[in-house]
C-alpha atoms as a PDB file:
ATOM      1  CA  MET A   1     130.613  98.148  62.787  1.00  0.00           C
ATOM      2  CA  THR A   2     130.800  95.883  59.487  1.00  0.00           C
ATOM      3  CA  LYS A   3     130.233  92.198  59.855  1.00  0.00           C
ATOM      4  CA  ARG A   4     133.683  91.238  59.205  1.00  0.00           C
ATOM      5  CA  THR A   5     134.780  93.072  61.741  1.00  0.00           C
ATOM      6  CA  THR A   6     132.454  91.712  64.114  1.00  0.00           C
ATOM      7  CA  ALA A   7     133.961  88.527  62.990  1.00  0.00           C
ATOM      8  CA  PHE A   8     136.916  88.949  63.257  1.00  0.00           C
ATOM      9  CA  LEU A   9     136.527  90.450  67.138  1.00  0.00           C
ATOM     10  CA  GLY A  10     134.804  87.124  67.945  1.00  0.00           C
ATOM     11  CA  PHE A  11     137.231  84.871  66.150  1.00  0.00           C
ATOM     12  CA  VAL A  12     140.039  87.035  68.369  1.00  0.00           C
ATOM     13  CA  LEU A  13     138.414  86.282  71.525  1.00  0.00           C
ATOM     14  CA  PHE A  14     137.681  82.806  70.406  1.00  0.00           C
ATOM     15  CA  ALA A  15     141.006  82.122  69.677  1.00  0.00           C
ATOM     16  CA  ALA A  16     142.122  83.658  73.115  1.00  0.00           C
ATOM     17  CA  SER A  17     139.908  81.719  74.903  1.00  0.00           C
ATOM     18  CA  VAL A  18     141.581  78.381  73.507  1.00  0.00           C
ATOM     19  CA  PHE A  19     144.990  79.539  73.581  1.00  0.00           C
ATOM     20  CA  SER A  20     144.766  81.100  77.240  1.00  0.00           C
ATOM     21  CA  ALA A  21     144.012  77.619  78.650  1.00  0.00           C
ATOM     22  CA  ALA A  22     147.000  76.006  77.651  1.00  0.00           C
ATOM     23  CA  PRO A  23     149.368  77.995  79.639  1.00  0.00           C
ATOM     24  CA  ALA A  24     147.364  77.500  82.688  1.00  0.00           C
ATOM     25  CA  GLN A  25     147.503  73.804  82.404  1.00  0.00           C
ATOM     26  CA  ALA A  26     151.199  73.815  81.156  1.00  0.00           C
ATOM     27  CA  SER A  27     152.178  75.780  84.546  1.00  0.00           C
ATOM     28  CA  SER A  28     150.503  73.263  86.494  1.00  0.00           C
ATOM     29  CA  GLY A  29     152.341  70.631  84.576  1.00  0.00           C
ATOM     30  CA  TYR A  30     149.580  68.472  83.866  1.00  0.00           C
ATOM     31  CA  LEU A  31     147.802  68.586  80.384  1.00  0.00           C
ATOM     32  CA  GLN A  32     144.851  66.538  78.508  1.00  0.00           C
ATOM     33  CA  CYS A  33     145.456  65.137  75.346  1.00  0.00           C
ATOM     34  CA  ALA A  34     141.940  66.758  73.745  1.00  0.00           C
ATOM     35  CA  PRO A  35     143.119  70.444  74.824  1.00  0.00           C
ATOM     36  CA  PHE A  36     146.546  69.781  73.421  1.00  0.00           C
ATOM     37  CA  ALA A  37     145.934  67.651  70.475  1.00  0.00           C
ATOM     38  CA  ARG A  38     143.138  70.955  69.825  1.00  0.00           C
ATOM     39  CA  ALA A  39     145.585  73.334  69.927  1.00  0.00           C
ATOM     40  CA  PHE A  40     148.185  71.237  68.484  1.00  0.00           C
ATOM     41  CA  SER A  41     146.395  70.413  65.523  1.00  0.00           C
ATOM     42  CA  GLY A  42     143.837  73.129  65.222  1.00  0.00           C
ATOM     43  CA  ILE A  43     141.006  70.714  64.944  1.00  0.00           C
ATOM     44  CA  GLN A  44     138.577  72.528  66.828  1.00  0.00           C
ATOM     45  CA  LEU A  45     136.330  69.748  68.449  1.00  0.00           C
ATOM     46  CA  PHE A  46     135.753  69.356  71.756  1.00  0.00           C
ATOM     47  CA  GLY A  47     134.359  67.150  75.017  1.00  0.00           C
ATOM     48  CA  ALA A  48     136.379  63.876  76.192  1.00  0.00           C
ATOM     49  CA  ALA A  49     138.920  62.259  73.593  1.00  0.00           C
ATOM     50  CA  TYR A  50     136.677  59.278  72.403  1.00  0.00           C
ATOM     51  CA  SER A  51     133.754  61.670  71.190  1.00  0.00           C
ATOM     52  CA  TRP A  52     135.897  63.613  68.893  1.00  0.00           C
ATOM     53  CA  TRP A  53     134.786  60.832  66.696  1.00  0.00           C
ATOM     54  CA  GLN A  54     131.639  61.335  65.982  1.00  0.00           C
ATOM     55  CA  LYS A  55     131.641  65.432  66.095  1.00  0.00           C
ATOM     56  CA  ALA A  56     133.928  65.435  63.437  1.00  0.00           C
ATOM     57  CA  THR A  57     131.266  63.983  61.423  1.00  0.00           C
ATOM     58  CA  GLY A  58     130.090  66.133  59.039  1.00  0.00           C
ATOM     59  CA  ARG A  59     132.988  68.722  60.191  1.00  0.00           C
ATOM     60  CA  TYR A  60     136.174  66.889  59.318  1.00  0.00           C
ATOM     61  CA  ALA A  61     137.115  64.268  56.575  1.00  0.00           C
ATOM     62  CA  GLN A  62     137.306  61.859  58.379  1.00  0.00           C
ATOM     63  CA  GLY A  63     139.101  58.096  57.076  1.00  0.00           C
ATOM     64  CA  SER A  64     141.676  55.531  58.041  1.00  0.00           C
ATOM     65  CA  VAL A  65     144.846  56.071  56.003  1.00  0.00           C
ATOM     66  CA  PRO A  66     147.038  58.682  57.985  1.00  0.00           C
ATOM     67  CA  GLU A  67     148.194  61.874  56.963  1.00  0.00           C
ATOM     68  CA  VAL A  68     150.425  64.418  58.584  1.00  0.00           C
ATOM     69  CA  GLY A  69     148.624  66.744  60.968  1.00  0.00           C
ATOM     70  CA  SER A  70     145.751  64.296  61.186  1.00  0.00           C
ATOM     71  CA  VAL A  71     144.130  63.371  64.468  1.00  0.00           C
ATOM     72  CA  LEU A  72     144.054  59.661  65.615  1.00  0.00           C
ATOM     73  CA  VAL A  73     141.064  59.379  67.415  1.00  0.00           C
ATOM     74  CA  PHE A  74     141.193  56.277  70.196  1.00  0.00           C
ATOM     75  CA  LYS A  75     138.064  54.608  71.375  1.00  0.00           C
ATOM     76  CA  ALA A  76     136.890  54.477  75.146  1.00  0.00           C
ATOM     77  CA  ILE A  77     137.919  51.094  76.711  1.00  0.00           C
ATOM     78  CA  GLY A  78     138.472  50.313  80.705  1.00  0.00           C
ATOM     79  CA  SER A  79     142.013  51.309  81.480  1.00  0.00           C
ATOM     80  CA  MET A  80     141.232  54.656  79.035  1.00  0.00           C
ATOM     81  CA  ARG A  81     137.312  55.675  79.460  1.00  0.00           C
ATOM     82  CA  SER A  82     137.919  58.858  77.806  1.00  0.00           C
ATOM     83  CA  GLY A  83     139.619  57.664  74.974  1.00  0.00           C
ATOM     84  CA  HIS A  84     142.605  59.607  73.601  1.00  0.00           C
ATOM     85  CA  VAL A  85     143.797  61.488  70.743  1.00  0.00           C
ATOM     86  CA  ALA A  86     147.095  62.295  69.211  1.00  0.00           C
ATOM     87  CA  THR A  87     148.376  64.679  66.292  1.00  0.00           C
ATOM     88  CA  VAL A  88     150.253  63.067  63.352  1.00  0.00           C
ATOM     89  CA  THR A  89     153.360  64.058  62.782  1.00  0.00           C
ATOM     90  CA  GLN A  90     155.683  61.962  60.095  1.00  0.00           C
ATOM     91  CA  ILE A  91     154.641  58.722  58.349  1.00  0.00           C
ATOM     92  CA  VAL A  92     157.248  56.452  58.637  1.00  0.00           C
ATOM     93  CA  SER A  93     155.983  53.506  56.466  1.00  0.00           C
ATOM     94  CA  ASP A  94     152.049  52.634  55.659  1.00  0.00           C
ATOM     95  CA  ARG A  95     152.331  51.072  59.133  1.00  0.00           C
ATOM     96  CA  ILE A  96     154.337  53.198  61.316  1.00  0.00           C
ATOM     97  CA  VAL A  97     153.754  57.014  62.317  1.00  0.00           C
ATOM     98  CA  LYS A  98     154.773  59.437  64.517  1.00  0.00           C
ATOM     99  CA  VAL A  99     152.554  61.555  66.690  1.00  0.00           C
ATOM    100  CA  THR A 100     152.682  64.278  69.266  1.00  0.00           C
ATOM    101  CA  HIS A 101     150.638  63.847  72.231  1.00  0.00           C
ATOM    102  CA  ALA A 102     149.997  64.571  75.953  1.00  0.00           C
ATOM    103  CA  ASN A 103     149.224  62.222  79.143  1.00  0.00           C
ATOM    104  CA  TRP A 104     150.267  58.996  77.730  1.00  0.00           C
ATOM    105  CA  SER A 105     152.929  58.103  78.980  1.00  0.00           C
ATOM    106  CA  ALA A 106     154.343  58.034  82.807  1.00  0.00           C
ATOM    107  CA  ILE A 107     157.560  60.442  82.702  1.00  0.00           C
ATOM    108  CA  ASN A 108     159.481  61.042  85.654  1.00  0.00           C
ATOM    109  CA  GLY A 109     157.020  59.156  87.579  1.00  0.00           C
ATOM    110  CA  ARG A 110     154.301  61.987  86.230  1.00  0.00           C
ATOM    111  CA  ARG A 111     151.643  61.833  84.023  1.00  0.00           C
ATOM    112  CA  GLY A 112     150.291  65.086  81.651  1.00  0.00           C
ATOM    113  CA  GLN A 113     153.310  65.710  80.100  1.00  0.00           C
ATOM    114  CA  ILE A 114     153.624  65.828  76.168  1.00  0.00           C
ATOM    115  CA  GLU A 115     155.571  63.430  74.563  1.00  0.00           C
ATOM    116  CA  ARG A 116     156.785  64.809  71.062  1.00  0.00           C
ATOM    117  CA  ASP A 117     157.136  62.483  67.833  1.00  0.00           C
ATOM    118  CA  VAL A 118     156.776  58.972  69.281  1.00  0.00           C
ATOM    119  CA  THR A 119     156.077  55.944  67.182  1.00  0.00           C
ATOM    120  CA  VAL A 120     152.392  54.615  66.683  1.00  0.00           C
ATOM    121  CA  VAL A 121     152.675  50.760  64.599  1.00  0.00           C
ATOM    122  CA  ASP A 122     149.260  49.945  63.095  1.00  0.00           C
ATOM    123  CA  ALA A 123     148.732  46.536  64.825  1.00  0.00           C
ATOM    124  CA  SER A 124     145.257  45.850  62.889  1.00  0.00           C
ATOM    125  CA  GLU A 125     144.879  42.612  61.225  1.00  0.00           C
ATOM    126  CA  LYS A 126     143.968  44.523  57.587  1.00  0.00           C
ATOM    127  CA  GLY A 127     146.129  47.429  57.600  1.00  0.00           C
ATOM    128  CA  ASP A 128     143.021  49.991  58.298  1.00  0.00           C
ATOM    129  CA  TRP A 129     144.555  51.537  61.669  1.00  0.00           C
ATOM    130  CA  SER A 130     141.646  50.135  63.730  1.00  0.00           C
ATOM    131  CA  LYS A 131     144.313  49.165  66.406  1.00  0.00           C
ATOM    132  CA  VAL A 132     147.446  50.439  67.607  1.00  0.00           C
ATOM    133  CA  LYS A 133     150.497  50.040  69.882  1.00  0.00           C
ATOM    134  CA  VAL A 134     151.818  53.168  71.514  1.00  0.00           C
ATOM    135  CA  TRP A 135     155.456  53.848  72.159  1.00  0.00           C
ATOM    136  CA  TYR A 136     155.511  53.700  76.562  1.00  0.00           C
ATOM    137  CA  ALA A 137     158.277  55.525  77.882  1.00  0.00           C
ATOM    138  CA  PRO A 138     158.909  53.955  81.368  1.00  0.00           C
ATOM    139  CA  ILE A 139     159.665  50.527  79.141  1.00  0.00           C
ATOM    140  CA  ARG A 140     161.312  52.978  76.560  1.00  0.00           C
ATOM    141  CA  GLU A 141     159.892  50.810  73.517  1.00  0.00           C
ATOM    142  CA  VAL A 142     156.300  50.612  71.735  1.00  0.00           C
ATOM    143  CA  GLY A 143     154.020  48.424  74.127  1.00  0.00           C
ATOM    144  CA  GLN A 144     152.638  44.977  74.112  1.00  0.00           C
ATOM    145  CA  ARG A 145     148.754  46.009  74.453  1.00  0.00           C
ATOM    146  CA  ALA A 146     146.633  46.589  71.224  1.00  0.00           C
ATOM    147  CA  TYR A 147     144.240  49.888  71.622  1.00  0.00           C
ATOM    148  CA  PRO A 148     141.637  50.031  69.588  1.00  0.00           C
ATOM    149  CA  THR A 149     141.148  53.134  67.094  1.00  0.00           C
ATOM    150  CA  TYR A 150     138.135  54.950  65.242  1.00  0.00           C
ATOM    151  CA  GLY A 151     140.804  56.430  62.442  1.00  0.00           C
ATOM    152  CA  PHE A 152     142.190  59.468  61.569  1.00  0.00           C
ATOM    153  CA  ILE A 153     140.502  62.904  61.495  1.00  0.00           C
ATOM    154  CA  TYR A 154     142.039  65.296  58.688  1.00  0.00           C
ATOM    155  CA  LYS A 155     142.646  69.369  59.151  1.00  0.00           C
ATOM    156  CA  GLY A 156     140.416  69.692  55.647  1.00  0.00           C
ATOM    157  CA  VAL A 157     136.865  70.140  54.823  1.00  0.00           C
ATOM    158  CA  ALA A 158     134.313  67.237  55.578  1.00  0.00           C
ATOM    159  CA  ALA A 159     133.815  65.187  52.272  1.00  0.00           C
ATOM    160  CA  THR A 160     130.209  66.014  53.171  1.00  0.00           C
ATOM    161  CA  GLN A 161     130.390  69.880  53.390  1.00  0.00           C
ATOM    162  CA  THR A 162     132.268  69.795  50.247  1.00  0.00           C
ATOM    163  CA  ALA A 163     129.055  68.099  48.388  1.00  0.00           C
ATOM    164  CA  VAL A 164     126.765  70.386  49.980  1.00  0.00           C
ATOM    165  CA  ALA A 165     128.958  73.822  48.511  1.00  0.00           C
ATOM    166  CA  ALA A 166     128.997  71.994  45.333  1.00  0.00           C
ATOM    167  CA  ALA A 167     125.335  71.451  44.693  1.00  0.00           C
ATOM    168  CA  ALA A 168     124.333  74.625  46.037  1.00  0.00           C
ATOM    169  CA  ASP A 169     126.661  75.924  43.149  1.00  0.00           C
ATOM    170  CA  ALA A 170     125.481  73.747  40.359  1.00  0.00           C
ATOM    171  CA  ILE A 171     121.627  74.766  41.950  1.00  0.00           C
ATOM    172  CA  SER A 172     123.546  78.276  41.675  1.00  0.00           C
ATOM    173  CA  ASP A 173     124.331  77.573  38.222  1.00  0.00           C
ATOM    174  CA  ALA A 174     121.169  76.373  36.731  1.00  0.00           C
ATOM    175  CA  ARG A 175     119.218  78.680  37.977  1.00  0.00           C
ATOM    176  CA  GLY A 176     121.003  81.269  36.168  1.00  0.00           C
ATOM    177  CA  ALA A 177     121.119  79.191  33.053  1.00  0.00           C
ATOM    178  CA  LEU A 178     117.195  79.457  33.648  1.00  0.00           C
ATOM    179  CA  THR A 179     117.013  83.044  33.880  1.00  0.00           C
ATOM    180  CA  ALA A 180     119.621  83.702  31.151  1.00  0.00           C
ATOM    181  CA  THR A 181     117.261  81.459  28.770  1.00  0.00           C
ATOM    182  CA  ASN A 182     113.975  83.447  30.021  1.00  0.00           C
END
């Protein structure tokens, strides 16, 4: 078997394991935010939602400006010990976005459900998305509480990975130039 075939089969098995969990959770009627965000956004991070920020370092680009497809990572706090993650689906303005996420509001008395395109408002003093207010279905409006966040994880390759690749290319080019002159 070639390396390419082996890699492809490995990817197929990986994808099957990731996406087979979602139907099982969906059939139970209860979804956690992290597995849902992983499947919905395509950002392949695992563990408690708050831990995504640290785990993304060096793997995915991160920042404080929302982009469609990016994942907003909430810090862990007393009432939200695992943090929370939500995928940006629309930019409304520089201080308002829409997200799709799971397990935020109690809908019809039940948690663990998906909410699509709900409003999130930047409530930070500096406009850096370090605190947000989120649409809460039971009251049918954005809640009054501001939740602390780390920022956004972007689907693109992390800047450090891009820099490493560029440095490797430069070294290769320099070696080629040295070889050509000798």
